[in-house]
Amino acid sequence: MTQPLDPELFANCGPARPPIRIGGKWTAKIVLCLADGPRRFTELEGVLAGITPKVLTESLRGMERDRLIVRTAYDEHPPRVEYELTALGRDLFEPMAVACAWTERFVRSATGDRG
């Protein structure tokens, strides 16, 4: 029989702010798109097949709120906006690589592939 959960389980996790949301469908893909430097909205939209402008905007805003990316608006005509990873966003590369490797092993074992 399992023990009841301790009500203080997350008491030492810092402020009551929600954790960084790195599990969204698009977050990891956006991080990879920004790996080589800043990108414009249309560049991201063009490579992220299936994402709507609304969802891309929401994803970028959430990532900015979580300090994974920084949005820079340039005072130019026409206006130019770029998105770039912060140091915190770049820190996601290692855990993402681990998660990808785990996923590949899981898929191979689930399909019986020994390769």
N, C-alpha and C. Protein backbone atom coordinates (compact mmCIF):
# COMPACT_ATOMS: atom_id res chain seq x y z
N MET A 1 0.85 -1.18 0.00
CA MET A 1 0.00 0.00 0.00
C MET A 1 0.89 1.24 0.00
N THR A 2 0.55 2.21 -0.82
CA THR A 2 1.35 3.42 -0.89
C THR A 2 1.03 4.36 0.27
N GLN A 3 2.01 5.15 0.62
CA GLN A 3 1.85 6.14 1.69
C GLN A 3 1.08 7.34 1.14
N PRO A 4 0.32 8.02 1.99
CA PRO A 4 -0.35 9.23 1.52
C PRO A 4 0.69 10.29 1.14
N LEU A 5 0.35 11.14 0.22
CA LEU A 5 1.26 12.20 -0.19
C LEU A 5 1.40 13.24 0.92
N ASP A 6 2.62 13.68 1.12
CA ASP A 6 2.92 14.71 2.10
C ASP A 6 2.40 16.05 1.59
N PRO A 7 1.57 16.76 2.35
CA PRO A 7 1.06 18.06 1.90
C PRO A 7 2.17 19.08 1.65
N GLU A 8 3.35 18.85 2.22
CA GLU A 8 4.48 19.77 2.06
C GLU A 8 5.44 19.31 0.96
N LEU A 9 5.00 18.40 0.12
CA LEU A 9 5.85 17.80 -0.90
C LEU A 9 6.58 18.85 -1.76
N PHE A 10 5.89 19.91 -2.11
CA PHE A 10 6.48 20.93 -2.96
C PHE A 10 6.80 22.23 -2.21
N ALA A 11 6.85 22.17 -0.91
CA ALA A 11 7.07 23.37 -0.11
C ALA A 11 8.43 24.01 -0.36
N ASN A 12 9.43 23.24 -0.72
CA ASN A 12 10.78 23.77 -0.92
C ASN A 12 11.08 24.09 -2.38
N CYS A 13 10.05 24.19 -3.20
CA CYS A 13 10.25 24.43 -4.63
C CYS A 13 10.26 25.91 -5.00
N GLY A 14 10.49 26.77 -4.05
CA GLY A 14 10.57 28.19 -4.36
C GLY A 14 9.21 28.85 -4.27
N PRO A 15 9.11 30.03 -4.88
CA PRO A 15 7.85 30.77 -4.80
C PRO A 15 6.69 30.01 -5.42
N ALA A 16 5.52 30.49 -5.15
CA ALA A 16 4.31 29.80 -5.62
C ALA A 16 4.08 29.99 -7.11
N ARG A 17 5.04 30.53 -7.81
CA ARG A 17 4.94 30.71 -9.26
C ARG A 17 4.93 29.35 -9.95
N PRO A 18 4.11 29.20 -11.00
CA PRO A 18 4.11 27.92 -11.71
C PRO A 18 5.49 27.62 -12.29
N PRO A 19 5.85 26.37 -12.43
CA PRO A 19 7.15 26.03 -12.98
C PRO A 19 7.24 26.40 -14.46
N ILE A 20 8.45 26.41 -14.98
CA ILE A 20 8.66 26.66 -16.39
C ILE A 20 7.98 25.55 -17.18
N ARG A 21 7.28 25.94 -18.22
CA ARG A 21 6.55 24.97 -19.03
C ARG A 21 7.41 24.55 -20.21
N ILE A 22 8.14 23.45 -20.05
CA ILE A 22 8.98 22.99 -21.15
C ILE A 22 8.37 21.78 -21.85
N GLY A 23 7.20 21.39 -21.42
CA GLY A 23 6.60 20.20 -22.00
C GLY A 23 5.59 20.47 -23.09
N GLY A 24 5.42 21.73 -23.48
CA GLY A 24 4.46 22.04 -24.53
C GLY A 24 4.85 21.40 -25.85
N LYS A 25 3.88 21.22 -26.70
CA LYS A 25 4.11 20.55 -27.98
C LYS A 25 5.17 21.26 -28.82
N TRP A 26 5.24 22.59 -28.74
CA TRP A 26 6.11 23.36 -29.63
C TRP A 26 7.37 23.86 -28.97
N THR A 27 7.47 23.84 -27.65
CA THR A 27 8.61 24.45 -26.96
C THR A 27 9.95 23.89 -27.43
N ALA A 28 10.10 22.59 -27.42
CA ALA A 28 11.38 21.99 -27.81
C ALA A 28 11.72 22.31 -29.26
N LYS A 29 10.71 22.30 -30.12
CA LYS A 29 10.96 22.61 -31.53
C LYS A 29 11.39 24.07 -31.71
N ILE A 30 10.77 24.97 -30.96
CA ILE A 30 11.16 26.38 -31.04
C ILE A 30 12.58 26.56 -30.51
N VAL A 31 12.90 25.88 -29.42
CA VAL A 31 14.27 25.96 -28.87
C VAL A 31 15.27 25.51 -29.94
N LEU A 32 14.99 24.42 -30.62
CA LEU A 32 15.90 23.94 -31.67
C LEU A 32 16.00 24.93 -32.83
N CYS A 33 14.89 25.55 -33.18
CA CYS A 33 14.90 26.55 -34.26
C CYS A 33 15.78 27.75 -33.90
N LEU A 34 15.87 28.07 -32.62
CA LEU A 34 16.64 29.23 -32.18
C LEU A 34 18.07 28.88 -31.77
N ALA A 35 18.46 27.63 -31.97
CA ALA A 35 19.78 27.17 -31.53
C ALA A 35 20.93 27.94 -32.17
N ASP A 36 20.77 28.34 -33.42
CA ASP A 36 21.87 29.01 -34.12
C ASP A 36 21.78 30.53 -34.06
N GLY A 37 20.83 31.06 -33.32
CA GLY A 37 20.72 32.51 -33.20
C GLY A 37 19.31 33.00 -33.38
N PRO A 38 19.15 34.32 -33.37
CA PRO A 38 17.82 34.93 -33.44
C PRO A 38 17.10 34.59 -34.73
N ARG A 39 15.79 34.51 -34.63
CA ARG A 39 14.93 34.24 -35.80
C ARG A 39 13.71 35.13 -35.73
N ARG A 40 13.18 35.43 -36.90
CA ARG A 40 11.94 36.20 -36.99
C ARG A 40 10.75 35.25 -36.94
N PHE A 41 9.59 35.82 -36.60
CA PHE A 41 8.35 35.05 -36.49
C PHE A 41 8.09 34.25 -37.75
N THR A 42 8.22 34.88 -38.91
CA THR A 42 7.91 34.19 -40.17
C THR A 42 8.87 33.05 -40.45
N GLU A 43 10.13 33.18 -40.00
CA GLU A 43 11.08 32.07 -40.16
C GLU A 43 10.62 30.87 -39.34
N LEU A 44 10.20 31.14 -38.11
CA LEU A 44 9.74 30.05 -37.23
C LEU A 44 8.47 29.43 -37.79
N GLU A 45 7.55 30.27 -38.20
CA GLU A 45 6.27 29.80 -38.74
C GLU A 45 6.48 28.92 -39.97
N GLY A 46 7.47 29.28 -40.79
CA GLY A 46 7.72 28.55 -42.02
C GLY A 46 8.25 27.15 -41.81
N VAL A 47 8.99 26.93 -40.73
CA VAL A 47 9.60 25.62 -40.51
C VAL A 47 8.78 24.74 -39.55
N LEU A 48 7.91 25.34 -38.77
CA LEU A 48 7.10 24.58 -37.81
C LEU A 48 5.78 24.19 -38.46
N ALA A 49 5.83 23.14 -39.26
CA ALA A 49 4.65 22.69 -40.00
C ALA A 49 3.52 22.35 -39.04
N GLY A 50 2.35 22.90 -39.32
CA GLY A 50 1.16 22.59 -38.53
C GLY A 50 0.86 23.58 -37.44
N ILE A 51 1.76 24.52 -37.17
CA ILE A 51 1.49 25.50 -36.11
C ILE A 51 0.73 26.67 -36.72
N THR A 52 -0.25 27.16 -36.00
CA THR A 52 -0.99 28.34 -36.46
C THR A 52 -0.29 29.59 -35.92
N PRO A 53 -0.50 30.73 -36.55
CA PRO A 53 0.09 31.96 -36.01
C PRO A 53 -0.32 32.23 -34.57
N LYS A 54 -1.57 31.93 -34.24
CA LYS A 54 -2.05 32.15 -32.87
C LYS A 54 -1.29 31.28 -31.88
N VAL A 55 -1.12 30.02 -32.20
CA VAL A 55 -0.42 29.10 -31.29
C VAL A 55 1.06 29.46 -31.20
N LEU A 56 1.67 29.86 -32.30
CA LEU A 56 3.07 30.28 -32.25
C LEU A 56 3.21 31.51 -31.37
N THR A 57 2.32 32.47 -31.53
CA THR A 57 2.35 33.67 -30.69
C THR A 57 2.21 33.31 -29.22
N GLU A 58 1.26 32.45 -28.89
CA GLU A 58 1.05 32.03 -27.50
C GLU A 58 2.27 31.30 -26.96
N SER A 59 2.86 30.43 -27.78
CA SER A 59 4.04 29.68 -27.35
C SER A 59 5.21 30.62 -27.08
N LEU A 60 5.44 31.55 -27.99
CA LEU A 60 6.54 32.50 -27.82
C LEU A 60 6.32 33.39 -26.60
N ARG A 61 5.10 33.82 -26.37
CA ARG A 61 4.80 34.65 -25.18
C ARG A 61 5.05 33.87 -23.90
N GLY A 62 4.63 32.61 -23.89
CA GLY A 62 4.86 31.77 -22.71
C GLY A 62 6.34 31.54 -22.46
N MET A 63 7.08 31.30 -23.52
CA MET A 63 8.52 31.08 -23.38
C MET A 63 9.23 32.36 -22.94
N GLU A 64 8.74 33.50 -23.41
CA GLU A 64 9.30 34.78 -22.97
C GLU A 64 8.97 35.01 -21.49
N ARG A 65 7.76 34.72 -21.10
CA ARG A 65 7.35 34.87 -19.70
C ARG A 65 8.20 33.98 -18.80
N ASP A 66 8.56 32.81 -19.31
CA ASP A 66 9.38 31.87 -18.53
C ASP A 66 10.88 32.13 -18.66
N ARG A 67 11.22 33.21 -19.38
CA ARG A 67 12.61 33.63 -19.53
C ARG A 67 13.46 32.66 -20.35
N LEU A 68 12.83 31.89 -21.22
CA LEU A 68 13.56 30.98 -22.11
C LEU A 68 14.03 31.70 -23.37
N ILE A 69 13.28 32.72 -23.77
CA ILE A 69 13.63 33.51 -24.95
C ILE A 69 13.48 34.98 -24.61
N VAL A 70 14.10 35.79 -25.45
CA VAL A 70 13.94 37.24 -25.36
C VAL A 70 13.43 37.72 -26.71
N ARG A 71 12.49 38.65 -26.67
CA ARG A 71 11.90 39.24 -27.87
C ARG A 71 12.49 40.63 -28.03
N THR A 72 13.04 40.89 -29.21
CA THR A 72 13.62 42.20 -29.48
C THR A 72 12.89 42.83 -30.65
N ALA A 73 12.28 43.99 -30.40
CA ALA A 73 11.59 44.74 -31.44
C ALA A 73 12.49 45.89 -31.87
N TYR A 74 12.76 45.97 -33.16
CA TYR A 74 13.62 47.01 -33.70
C TYR A 74 12.76 48.15 -34.25
N ASP A 75 13.19 49.37 -34.01
CA ASP A 75 12.47 50.54 -34.48
C ASP A 75 12.83 50.81 -35.93
N GLU A 76 12.25 50.02 -36.81
CA GLU A 76 12.53 50.11 -38.24
C GLU A 76 11.21 50.12 -39.00
N HIS A 77 11.30 50.49 -40.26
CA HIS A 77 10.13 50.44 -41.12
C HIS A 77 10.46 49.56 -42.32
N PRO A 78 9.81 48.44 -42.53
CA PRO A 78 8.76 47.89 -41.67
C PRO A 78 9.34 47.37 -40.35
N PRO A 79 8.48 47.23 -39.34
CA PRO A 79 8.95 46.77 -38.03
C PRO A 79 9.59 45.38 -38.14
N ARG A 80 10.60 45.17 -37.32
CA ARG A 80 11.28 43.87 -37.29
C ARG A 80 11.33 43.40 -35.85
N VAL A 81 10.93 42.14 -35.63
CA VAL A 81 10.97 41.52 -34.30
C VAL A 81 11.73 40.22 -34.42
N GLU A 82 12.64 39.98 -33.49
CA GLU A 82 13.40 38.73 -33.45
C GLU A 82 13.26 38.07 -32.09
N TYR A 83 13.36 36.76 -32.11
CA TYR A 83 13.31 35.96 -30.89
C TYR A 83 14.63 35.24 -30.75
N GLU A 84 15.16 35.22 -29.53
CA GLU A 84 16.47 34.61 -29.28
C GLU A 84 16.44 33.89 -27.95
N LEU A 85 17.17 32.78 -27.87
CA LEU A 85 17.27 32.05 -26.61
C LEU A 85 18.06 32.85 -25.59
N THR A 86 17.63 32.74 -24.35
CA THR A 86 18.40 33.28 -23.23
C THR A 86 19.36 32.18 -22.77
N ALA A 87 20.20 32.49 -21.80
CA ALA A 87 21.08 31.46 -21.24
C ALA A 87 20.25 30.32 -20.66
N LEU A 88 19.14 30.64 -20.03
CA LEU A 88 18.26 29.61 -19.49
C LEU A 88 17.70 28.73 -20.60
N GLY A 89 17.32 29.34 -21.71
CA GLY A 89 16.81 28.58 -22.85
C GLY A 89 17.88 27.67 -23.44
N ARG A 90 19.11 28.18 -23.53
CA ARG A 90 20.21 27.36 -24.06
C ARG A 90 20.54 26.20 -23.12
N ASP A 91 20.26 26.38 -21.85
CA ASP A 91 20.49 25.29 -20.88
C ASP A 91 19.57 24.11 -21.13
N LEU A 92 18.55 24.27 -21.95
CA LEU A 92 17.63 23.16 -22.26
C LEU A 92 18.23 22.14 -23.21
N PHE A 93 19.30 22.50 -23.93
CA PHE A 93 19.85 21.57 -24.93
C PHE A 93 20.22 20.22 -24.32
N GLU A 94 20.91 20.21 -23.21
CA GLU A 94 21.35 18.93 -22.61
C GLU A 94 20.17 18.08 -22.15
N PRO A 95 19.23 18.61 -21.35
CA PRO A 95 18.10 17.76 -20.96
C PRO A 95 17.24 17.32 -22.14
N MET A 96 17.14 18.17 -23.18
CA MET A 96 16.39 17.77 -24.36
C MET A 96 17.08 16.61 -25.07
N ALA A 97 18.40 16.63 -25.13
CA ALA A 97 19.13 15.53 -25.77
C ALA A 97 18.90 14.23 -25.00
N VAL A 98 18.90 14.31 -23.69
CA VAL A 98 18.65 13.13 -22.85
C VAL A 98 17.23 12.61 -23.10
N ALA A 99 16.26 13.52 -23.14
CA ALA A 99 14.87 13.11 -23.37
C ALA A 99 14.71 12.49 -24.76
N CYS A 100 15.38 13.06 -25.77
CA CYS A 100 15.30 12.49 -27.12
C CYS A 100 15.90 11.09 -27.17
N ALA A 101 17.05 10.90 -26.51
CA ALA A 101 17.68 9.59 -26.49
C ALA A 101 16.78 8.58 -25.79
N TRP A 102 16.18 8.98 -24.68
CA TRP A 102 15.26 8.09 -23.96
C TRP A 102 14.08 7.72 -24.85
N THR A 103 13.52 8.71 -25.56
CA THR A 103 12.37 8.47 -26.43
C THR A 103 12.73 7.48 -27.53
N GLU A 104 13.90 7.66 -28.13
CA GLU A 104 14.33 6.73 -29.19
C GLU A 104 14.45 5.31 -28.66
N ARG A 105 15.04 5.16 -27.47
CA ARG A 105 15.15 3.81 -26.86
C ARG A 105 13.77 3.24 -26.59
N PHE A 106 12.87 4.06 -26.07
CA PHE A 106 11.53 3.61 -25.75
C PHE A 106 10.80 3.15 -27.00
N VAL A 107 10.88 3.95 -28.08
CA VAL A 107 10.19 3.60 -29.32
C VAL A 107 10.77 2.31 -29.90
N ARG A 108 12.10 2.18 -29.88
CA ARG A 108 12.72 0.94 -30.39
C ARG A 108 12.27 -0.27 -29.58
N SER A 109 12.24 -0.13 -28.26
CA SER A 109 11.85 -1.29 -27.44
C SER A 109 10.37 -1.61 -27.61
N ALA A 110 9.55 -0.57 -27.80
CA ALA A 110 8.11 -0.79 -27.98
C ALA A 110 7.80 -1.45 -29.31
N THR A 111 8.63 -1.22 -30.32
CA THR A 111 8.40 -1.80 -31.64
C THR A 111 9.20 -3.08 -31.85
N GLY A 112 10.05 -3.43 -30.87
CA GLY A 112 10.86 -4.63 -31.00
C GLY A 112 12.09 -4.44 -31.83
N ASP A 113 12.40 -3.22 -32.20
CA ASP A 113 13.58 -2.90 -33.00
C ASP A 113 14.81 -2.97 -32.09
N ARG A 114 15.78 -3.75 -32.46
CA ARG A 114 16.99 -3.91 -31.65
C ARG A 114 18.13 -3.02 -32.13
N GLY A 115 17.91 -2.28 -33.28
CA GLY A 115 18.95 -1.48 -33.90
C GLY A 115 19.36 -0.36 -33.08
